[in-house]
């Protein structure tokens, strides 16, 4: 498989993306980084952090489906209003 970005993989349907990194979520969904972290803190989307034991920093991953569902629900609520 050629070297594709996450958004290209999603668009071509080559694999089902389950977890994406914060920069990819920002780029794909058009959210700000801080807005994404606000959604995580509020528990509105699923997220996990992968880090080595005892490490302060790690890799924050966002569940693609939970973020897509949140945006879809927000869109439906605005349409109904």
PDB file of N, CA and C in Angstrom:
ATOM      1  N   UNK A   1       0.850  -1.188   0.000  1.00  0.00           N
ATOM      2  CA  UNK A   1       0.000   0.000   0.000  1.00  0.00           C
ATOM      3  C   UNK A   1       0.886   1.237   0.000  1.00  0.00           C
ATOM      4  N   UNK A   2       0.533   2.192  -0.822  1.00  0.00           N
ATOM      5  CA  UNK A   2       1.305   3.421  -0.861  1.00  0.00           C
ATOM      6  C   UNK A   2       1.137   4.194   0.434  1.00  0.00           C
ATOM      7  N   UNK A   3       2.016   5.140   0.676  1.00  0.00           N
ATOM      8  CA  UNK A   3       1.992   5.921   1.904  1.00  0.00           C
ATOM      9  C   UNK A   3       0.910   6.996   1.796  1.00  0.00           C
ATOM     10  N   UNK A   4      -0.243   6.750   2.425  1.00  0.00           N
ATOM     11  CA  UNK A   4      -1.372   7.679   2.382  1.00  0.00           C
ATOM     12  C   UNK A   4      -1.564   8.339   3.732  1.00  0.00           C
ATOM     13  N   UNK A   5      -2.066   9.555   3.717  1.00  0.00           N
ATOM     14  CA  UNK A   5      -2.422  10.206   4.973  1.00  0.00           C
ATOM     15  C   UNK A   5      -3.696   9.553   5.511  1.00  0.00           C
ATOM     16  N   UNK A   6      -3.990   9.800   6.768  1.00  0.00           N
ATOM     17  CA  UNK A   6      -5.196   9.235   7.368  1.00  0.00           C
ATOM     18  C   UNK A   6      -6.425   9.683   6.607  1.00  0.00           C
ATOM     19  N   UNK A   7      -6.491  10.959   6.249  1.00  0.00           N
ATOM     20  CA  UNK A   7      -7.679  11.453   5.550  1.00  0.00           C
ATOM     21  C   UNK A   7      -7.831  10.789   4.190  1.00  0.00           C
ATOM     22  N   UNK A   8      -6.726  10.515   3.500  1.00  0.00           N
ATOM     23  CA  UNK A   8      -6.799   9.837   2.204  1.00  0.00           C
ATOM     24  C   UNK A   8      -7.292   8.408   2.380  1.00  0.00           C
ATOM     25  N   UNK A   9      -6.851   7.745   3.428  1.00  0.00           N
ATOM     26  CA  UNK A   9      -7.299   6.378   3.700  1.00  0.00           C
ATOM     27  C   UNK A   9      -8.789   6.366   3.999  1.00  0.00           C
ATOM     28  N   UNK A  10      -9.250   7.318   4.795  1.00  0.00           N
ATOM     29  CA  UNK A  10     -10.667   7.400   5.124  1.00  0.00           C
ATOM     30  C   UNK A  10     -11.484   7.630   3.855  1.00  0.00           C
ATOM     31  N   UNK A  11     -11.021   8.521   3.006  1.00  0.00           N
ATOM     32  CA  UNK A  11     -11.755   8.852   1.791  1.00  0.00           C
ATOM     33  C   UNK A  11     -11.807   7.684   0.813  1.00  0.00           C
ATOM     34  N   UNK A  12     -10.742   6.916   0.707  1.00  0.00           N
ATOM     35  CA  UNK A  12     -10.715   5.812  -0.238  1.00  0.00           C
ATOM     36  C   UNK A  12     -11.342   4.554   0.335  1.00  0.00           C
ATOM     37  N   UNK A  13     -11.564   4.519   1.644  1.00  0.00           N
ATOM     38  CA  UNK A  13     -12.190   3.373   2.270  1.00  0.00           C
ATOM     39  C   UNK A  13     -11.298   2.150   2.317  1.00  0.00           C
ATOM     40  N   UNK A  14      -9.987   2.328   2.287  1.00  0.00           N
ATOM     41  CA  UNK A  14      -9.062   1.199   2.272  1.00  0.00           C
ATOM     42  C   UNK A  14      -9.017   0.455   3.596  1.00  0.00           C
ATOM     43  N   UNK A  15      -9.176   1.152   4.680  1.00  0.00           N
ATOM     44  CA  UNK A  15      -9.199   0.529   6.006  1.00  0.00           C
ATOM     45  C   UNK A  15     -10.230   1.262   6.845  1.00  0.00           C
ATOM     46  N   UNK A  16     -10.688   0.590   7.877  1.00  0.00           N
ATOM     47  CA  UNK A  16     -11.585   1.268   8.804  1.00  0.00           C
ATOM     48  C   UNK A  16     -10.730   1.882   9.904  1.00  0.00           C
ATOM     49  N   UNK A  17     -10.721   3.195   9.963  1.00  0.00           N
ATOM     50  CA  UNK A  17      -9.947   3.902  10.971  1.00  0.00           C
ATOM     51  C   UNK A  17     -10.761   3.964  12.250  1.00  0.00           C
ATOM     52  N   UNK A  18     -10.173   3.495  13.345  1.00  0.00           N
ATOM     53  CA  UNK A  18     -10.871   3.496  14.619  1.00  0.00           C
ATOM     54  C   UNK A  18     -10.329   4.593  15.525  1.00  0.00           C
ATOM     55  N   UNK A  19      -9.019   4.748  15.578  1.00  0.00           N
ATOM     56  CA  UNK A  19      -8.377   5.754  16.432  1.00  0.00           C
ATOM     57  C   UNK A  19      -7.505   6.649  15.567  1.00  0.00           C
ATOM     58  N   UNK A  20      -7.607   7.958  15.805  1.00  0.00           N
ATOM     59  CA  UNK A  20      -6.783   8.913  15.070  1.00  0.00           C
ATOM     60  C   UNK A  20      -6.097   9.857  16.055  1.00  0.00           C
ATOM     61  N   UNK A  21      -4.986  10.419  15.623  1.00  0.00           N
ATOM     62  CA  UNK A  21      -4.251  11.368  16.467  1.00  0.00           C
ATOM     63  C   UNK A  21      -4.919  12.733  16.400  1.00  0.00           C
ATOM     64  N   UNK A  22      -4.615  13.552  17.363  1.00  0.00           N
ATOM     65  CA  UNK A  22      -5.232  14.883  17.471  1.00  0.00           C
ATOM     66  C   UNK A  22      -5.032  15.720  16.204  1.00  0.00           C
ATOM     67  N   UNK A  23      -3.819  15.822  15.650  1.00  0.00           N
ATOM     68  CA  UNK A  23      -3.674  16.640  14.429  1.00  0.00           C
ATOM     69  C   UNK A  23      -4.540  16.143  13.267  1.00  0.00           C
ATOM     70  N   UNK A  24      -4.718  14.829  13.166  1.00  0.00           N
ATOM     71  CA  UNK A  24      -5.565  14.284  12.106  1.00  0.00           C
ATOM     72  C   UNK A  24      -7.032  14.619  12.362  1.00  0.00           C
ATOM     73  N   UNK A  25      -7.470  14.537  13.605  1.00  0.00           N
ATOM     74  CA  UNK A  25      -8.853  14.878  13.953  1.00  0.00           C
ATOM     75  C   UNK A  25      -9.128  16.355  13.647  1.00  0.00           C
ATOM     76  N   UNK A  26      -8.171  17.203  13.964  1.00  0.00           N
ATOM     77  CA  UNK A  26      -8.298  18.637  13.685  1.00  0.00           C
ATOM     78  C   UNK A  26      -8.436  18.860  12.183  1.00  0.00           C
ATOM     79  N   UNK A  27      -7.592  18.202  11.406  1.00  0.00           N
ATOM     80  CA  UNK A  27      -7.584  18.379   9.951  1.00  0.00           C
ATOM     81  C   UNK A  27      -8.851  17.785   9.311  1.00  0.00           C
ATOM     82  N   UNK A  28      -9.241  16.588   9.716  1.00  0.00           N
ATOM     83  CA  UNK A  28     -10.377  15.904   9.092  1.00  0.00           C
ATOM     84  C   UNK A  28     -11.697  16.581   9.435  1.00  0.00           C
ATOM     85  N   UNK A  29     -11.876  16.955  10.699  1.00  0.00           N
ATOM     86  CA  UNK A  29     -13.171  17.464  11.150  1.00  0.00           C
ATOM     87  C   UNK A  29     -13.241  18.983  11.234  1.00  0.00           C
ATOM     88  N   UNK A  30     -12.127  19.669  11.068  1.00  0.00           N
ATOM     89  CA  UNK A  30     -12.139  21.126  11.065  1.00  0.00           C
ATOM     90  C   UNK A  30     -12.330  21.765  12.427  1.00  0.00           C
ATOM     91  N   UNK A  31     -12.034  21.015  13.480  1.00  0.00           N
ATOM     92  CA  UNK A  31     -12.138  21.548  14.838  1.00  0.00           C
ATOM     93  C   UNK A  31     -10.807  22.148  15.260  1.00  0.00           C
ATOM     94  N   UNK A  32     -10.858  23.026  16.241  1.00  0.00           N
ATOM     95  CA  UNK A  32      -9.607  23.530  16.798  1.00  0.00           C
ATOM     96  C   UNK A  32      -9.058  22.497  17.782  1.00  0.00           C
ATOM     97  N   UNK A  33      -7.776  22.558  18.028  1.00  0.00           N
ATOM     98  CA  UNK A  33      -7.145  21.643  18.979  1.00  0.00           C
ATOM     99  C   UNK A  33      -7.757  21.822  20.376  1.00  0.00           C
ATOM    100  N   UNK A  34      -7.916  23.080  20.775  1.00  0.00           N
ATOM    101  CA  UNK A  34      -8.473  23.338  22.109  1.00  0.00           C
ATOM    102  C   UNK A  34      -9.928  22.886  22.194  1.00  0.00           C
ATOM    103  N   UNK A  35     -10.690  23.070  21.123  1.00  0.00           N
ATOM    104  CA  UNK A  35     -12.073  22.615  21.099  1.00  0.00           C
ATOM    105  C   UNK A  35     -12.172  21.104  21.215  1.00  0.00           C
ATOM    106  N   UNK A  36     -11.236  20.416  20.580  1.00  0.00           N
ATOM    107  CA  UNK A  36     -11.192  18.958  20.663  1.00  0.00           C
ATOM    108  C   UNK A  36     -10.921  18.509  22.090  1.00  0.00           C
ATOM    109  N   UNK A  37      -9.963  19.154  22.750  1.00  0.00           N
ATOM    110  CA  UNK A  37      -9.658  18.810  24.134  1.00  0.00           C
ATOM    111  C   UNK A  37     -10.818  19.154  25.074  1.00  0.00           C
ATOM    112  N   UNK A  38     -11.587  20.190  24.761  1.00  0.00           N
ATOM    113  CA  UNK A  38     -12.775  20.507  25.558  1.00  0.00           C
ATOM    114  C   UNK A  38     -13.805  19.387  25.465  1.00  0.00           C
ATOM    115  N   UNK A  39     -13.983  18.827  24.266  1.00  0.00           N
ATOM    116  CA  UNK A  39     -14.912  17.714  24.082  1.00  0.00           C
ATOM    117  C   UNK A  39     -14.439  16.478  24.846  1.00  0.00           C
ATOM    118  N   UNK A  40     -13.128  16.259  24.855  1.00  0.00           N
ATOM    119  CA  UNK A  40     -12.570  15.123  25.596  1.00  0.00           C
ATOM    120  C   UNK A  40     -12.818  15.306  27.089  1.00  0.00           C
ATOM    121  N   UNK A  41     -12.499  16.489  27.602  1.00  0.00           N
ATOM    122  CA  UNK A  41     -12.661  16.781  29.030  1.00  0.00           C
ATOM    123  C   UNK A  41     -14.118  16.660  29.457  1.00  0.00           C
ATOM    124  N   UNK A  42     -15.042  17.079  28.600  1.00  0.00           N
ATOM    125  CA  UNK A  42     -16.467  17.015  28.918  1.00  0.00           C
ATOM    126  C   UNK A  42     -17.024  15.593  28.766  1.00  0.00           C
ATOM    127  N   UNK A  43     -16.215  14.673  28.251  1.00  0.00           N
ATOM    128  CA  UNK A  43     -16.664  13.295  28.080  1.00  0.00           C
ATOM    129  C   UNK A  43     -17.606  13.107  26.902  1.00  0.00           C
ATOM    130  N   UNK A  44     -17.574  14.030  25.955  1.00  0.00           N
ATOM    131  CA  UNK A  44     -18.477  13.954  24.811  1.00  0.00           C
ATOM    132  C   UNK A  44     -17.944  13.078  23.687  1.00  0.00           C
ATOM    133  N   UNK A  45     -16.639  12.832  23.682  1.00  0.00           N
ATOM    134  CA  UNK A  45     -16.041  11.921  22.705  1.00  0.00           C
ATOM    135  C   UNK A  45     -15.066  10.993  23.418  1.00  0.00           C
ATOM    136  N   UNK A  46     -14.836   9.835  22.813  1.00  0.00           N
ATOM    137  CA  UNK A  46     -13.916   8.863  23.402  1.00  0.00           C
ATOM    138  C   UNK A  46     -12.480   9.207  23.028  1.00  0.00           C
ATOM    139  N   UNK A  47     -11.600   9.028  23.997  1.00  0.00           N
ATOM    140  CA  UNK A  47     -10.187   9.328  23.805  1.00  0.00           C
ATOM    141  C   UNK A  47      -9.369   8.448  24.736  1.00  0.00           C
ATOM    142  N   UNK A  48      -8.149   8.196  24.350  1.00  0.00           N
ATOM    143  CA  UNK A  48      -7.219   7.475  25.212  1.00  0.00           C
ATOM    144  C   UNK A  48      -5.821   8.041  24.999  1.00  0.00           C
ATOM    145  N   UNK A  49      -4.971   7.819  25.960  1.00  0.00           N
ATOM    146  CA  UNK A  49      -3.594   8.272  25.854  1.00  0.00           C
ATOM    147  C   UNK A  49      -2.674   7.068  26.018  1.00  0.00           C
ATOM    148  N   UNK A  50      -1.831   6.854  25.031  1.00  0.00           N
ATOM    149  CA  UNK A  50      -0.853   5.779  25.089  1.00  0.00           C
ATOM    150  C   UNK A  50       0.470   6.364  25.560  1.00  0.00           C
ATOM    151  N   UNK A  51       0.969   5.844  26.664  1.00  0.00           N
ATOM    152  CA  UNK A  51       2.265   6.305  27.149  1.00  0.00           C
ATOM    153  C   UNK A  51       2.944   5.191  27.928  1.00  0.00           C
ATOM    154  N   UNK A  52       4.248   5.276  27.967  1.00  0.00           N
ATOM    155  CA  UNK A  52       5.021   4.297  28.713  1.00  0.00           C
ATOM    156  C   UNK A  52       4.804   4.515  30.204  1.00  0.00           C
ATOM    157  N   UNK A  53       4.932   3.445  30.963  1.00  0.00           N
ATOM    158  CA  UNK A  53       4.734   3.530  32.404  1.00  0.00           C
ATOM    159  C   UNK A  53       5.696   4.557  33.003  1.00  0.00           C
ATOM    160  N   UNK A  54       5.141   5.477  33.788  1.00  0.00           N
ATOM    161  CA  UNK A  54       5.927   6.510  34.432  1.00  0.00           C
ATOM    162  C   UNK A  54       6.180   7.739  33.573  1.00  0.00           C
ATOM    163  N   UNK A  55       5.804   7.686  32.298  1.00  0.00           N
ATOM    164  CA  UNK A  55       6.026   8.822  31.404  1.00  0.00           C
ATOM    165  C   UNK A  55       4.998   9.917  31.677  1.00  0.00           C
ATOM    166  N   UNK A  56       5.410  11.151  31.469  1.00  0.00           N
ATOM    167  CA  UNK A  56       4.517  12.292  31.639  1.00  0.00           C
ATOM    168  C   UNK A  56       3.697  12.509  30.365  1.00  0.00           C
ATOM    169  N   UNK A  57       4.321  12.330  29.223  1.00  0.00           N
ATOM    170  CA  UNK A  57       3.670  12.565  27.939  1.00  0.00           C
ATOM    171  C   UNK A  57       3.410  11.257  27.218  1.00  0.00           C
ATOM    172  N   UNK A  58       2.446  11.318  26.333  1.00  0.00           N
ATOM    173  CA  UNK A  58       2.124  10.153  25.538  1.00  0.00           C
ATOM    174  C   UNK A  58       1.494  10.583  24.232  1.00  0.00           C
ATOM    175  N   UNK A  59       0.837   9.652  23.577  1.00  0.00           N
ATOM    176  CA  UNK A  59       0.154   9.928  22.320  1.00  0.00           C
ATOM    177  C   UNK A  59      -1.346   9.901  22.576  1.00  0.00           C
ATOM    178  N   UNK A  60      -1.997  11.032  22.370  1.00  0.00           N
ATOM    179  CA  UNK A  60      -3.447  11.134  22.565  1.00  0.00           C
ATOM    180  C   UNK A  60      -4.132  10.635  21.295  1.00  0.00           C
ATOM    181  N   UNK A  61      -5.046   9.686  21.448  1.00  0.00           N
ATOM    182  CA  UNK A  61      -5.809   9.155  20.335  1.00  0.00           C
ATOM    183  C   UNK A  61      -7.290   9.443  20.540  1.00  0.00           C
ATOM    184  N   UNK A  62      -7.959   9.772  19.459  1.00  0.00           N
ATOM    185  CA  UNK A  62      -9.381  10.098  19.465  1.00  0.00           C
ATOM    186  C   UNK A  62     -10.115   8.981  18.733  1.00  0.00           C
ATOM    187  N   UNK A  63     -11.247   8.551  19.276  1.00  0.00           N
ATOM    188  CA  UNK A  63     -12.050   7.557  18.594  1.00  0.00           C
ATOM    189  C   UNK A  63     -12.790   8.243  17.448  1.00  0.00           C
ATOM    190  N   UNK A  64     -12.473   7.823  16.237  1.00  0.00           N
ATOM    191  CA  UNK A  64     -13.032   8.442  15.031  1.00  0.00           C
ATOM    192  C   UNK A  64     -14.560   8.406  15.036  1.00  0.00           C
ATOM    193  N   UNK A  65     -15.127   7.234  15.348  1.00  0.00           N
ATOM    194  CA  UNK A  65     -16.582   7.078  15.302  1.00  0.00           C
ATOM    195  C   UNK A  65     -17.294   7.936  16.340  1.00  0.00           C
ATOM    196  N   UNK A  66     -16.714   8.075  17.533  1.00  0.00           N
ATOM    197  CA  UNK A  66     -17.375   8.892  18.556  1.00  0.00           C
ATOM    198  C   UNK A  66     -17.355  10.367  18.162  1.00  0.00           C
ATOM    199  N   UNK A  67     -16.282  10.815  17.541  1.00  0.00           N
ATOM    200  CA  UNK A  67     -16.201  12.208  17.098  1.00  0.00           C
ATOM    201  C   UNK A  67     -17.161  12.456  15.938  1.00  0.00           C
ATOM    202  N   UNK A  68     -17.209  11.520  14.990  1.00  0.00           N
ATOM    203  CA  UNK A  68     -18.136  11.658  13.859  1.00  0.00           C
ATOM    204  C   UNK A  68     -19.575  11.655  14.351  1.00  0.00           C
ATOM    205  N   UNK A  69     -19.896  10.776  15.317  1.00  0.00           N
ATOM    206  CA  UNK A  69     -21.255  10.710  15.862  1.00  0.00           C
ATOM    207  C   UNK A  69     -21.606  11.992  16.606  1.00  0.00           C
ATOM    208  N   UNK A  70     -20.653  12.546  17.365  1.00  0.00           N
ATOM    209  CA  UNK A  70     -20.904  13.795  18.085  1.00  0.00           C
ATOM    210  C   UNK A  70     -21.245  14.917  17.103  1.00  0.00           C
ATOM    211  N   UNK A  71     -20.471  15.023  16.035  1.00  0.00           N
ATOM    212  CA  UNK A  71     -20.710  16.077  15.045  1.00  0.00           C
ATOM    213  C   UNK A  71     -22.049  15.851  14.339  1.00  0.00           C
ATOM    214  N   UNK A  72     -22.346  14.613  14.001  1.00  0.00           N
ATOM    215  CA  UNK A  72     -23.625  14.290  13.361  1.00  0.00           C
ATOM    216  C   UNK A  72     -24.803  14.660  14.264  1.00  0.00           C
ATOM    217  N   UNK A  73     -24.702  14.309  15.543  1.00  0.00           N
ATOM    218  CA  UNK A  73     -25.767  14.642  16.499  1.00  0.00           C
ATOM    219  C   UNK A  73     -25.931  16.150  16.652  1.00  0.00           C
ATOM    220  N   UNK A  74     -24.805  16.852  16.717  1.00  0.00           N
ATOM    221  CA  UNK A  74     -24.866  18.313  16.846  1.00  0.00           C
ATOM    222  C   UNK A  74     -25.519  18.925  15.602  1.00  0.00           C
ATOM    223  N   UNK A  75     -25.214  18.367  14.452  1.00  0.00           N
ATOM    224  CA  UNK A  75     -25.809  18.851  13.200  1.00  0.00           C
ATOM    225  C   UNK A  75     -27.306  18.584  13.179  1.00  0.00           C
ATOM    226  N   UNK A  76     -27.711  17.398  13.620  1.00  0.00           N
ATOM    227  CA  UNK A  76     -29.142  17.057  13.654  1.00  0.00           C
ATOM    228  C   UNK A  76     -29.911  17.933  14.639  1.00  0.00           C
ATOM    229  N   UNK A  77     -29.306  18.244  15.777  1.00  0.00           N
ATOM    230  CA  UNK A  77     -29.956  19.094  16.767  1.00  0.00           C
ATOM    231  C   UNK A  77     -30.158  20.500  16.225  1.00  0.00           C
ATOM    232  N   UNK A  78     -29.182  20.997  15.490  1.00  0.00           N
ATOM    233  CA  UNK A  78     -29.288  22.350  14.932  1.00  0.00           C
ATOM    234  C   UNK A  78     -30.339  22.384  13.804  1.00  0.00           C
ATOM    235  N   UNK A  79     -30.415  21.292  13.038  1.00  0.00           N
ATOM    236  CA  UNK A  79     -31.403  21.221  11.957  1.00  0.00           C
ATOM    237  C   UNK A  79     -32.820  21.175  12.508  1.00  0.00           C
ATOM    238  N   UNK A  80     -32.996  20.495  13.636  1.00  0.00           N
ATOM    239  CA  UNK A  80     -34.313  20.357  14.243  1.00  0.00           C
ATOM    240  C   UNK A  80     -34.776  21.642  14.919  1.00  0.00           C
ATOM    241  N   UNK A  81     -33.818  22.475  15.303  1.00  0.00           N
ATOM    242  CA  UNK A  81     -34.170  23.705  16.046  1.00  0.00           C
ATOM    243  C   UNK A  81     -34.696  24.791  15.139  1.00  0.00           C
TER     244      UNK A  81
END
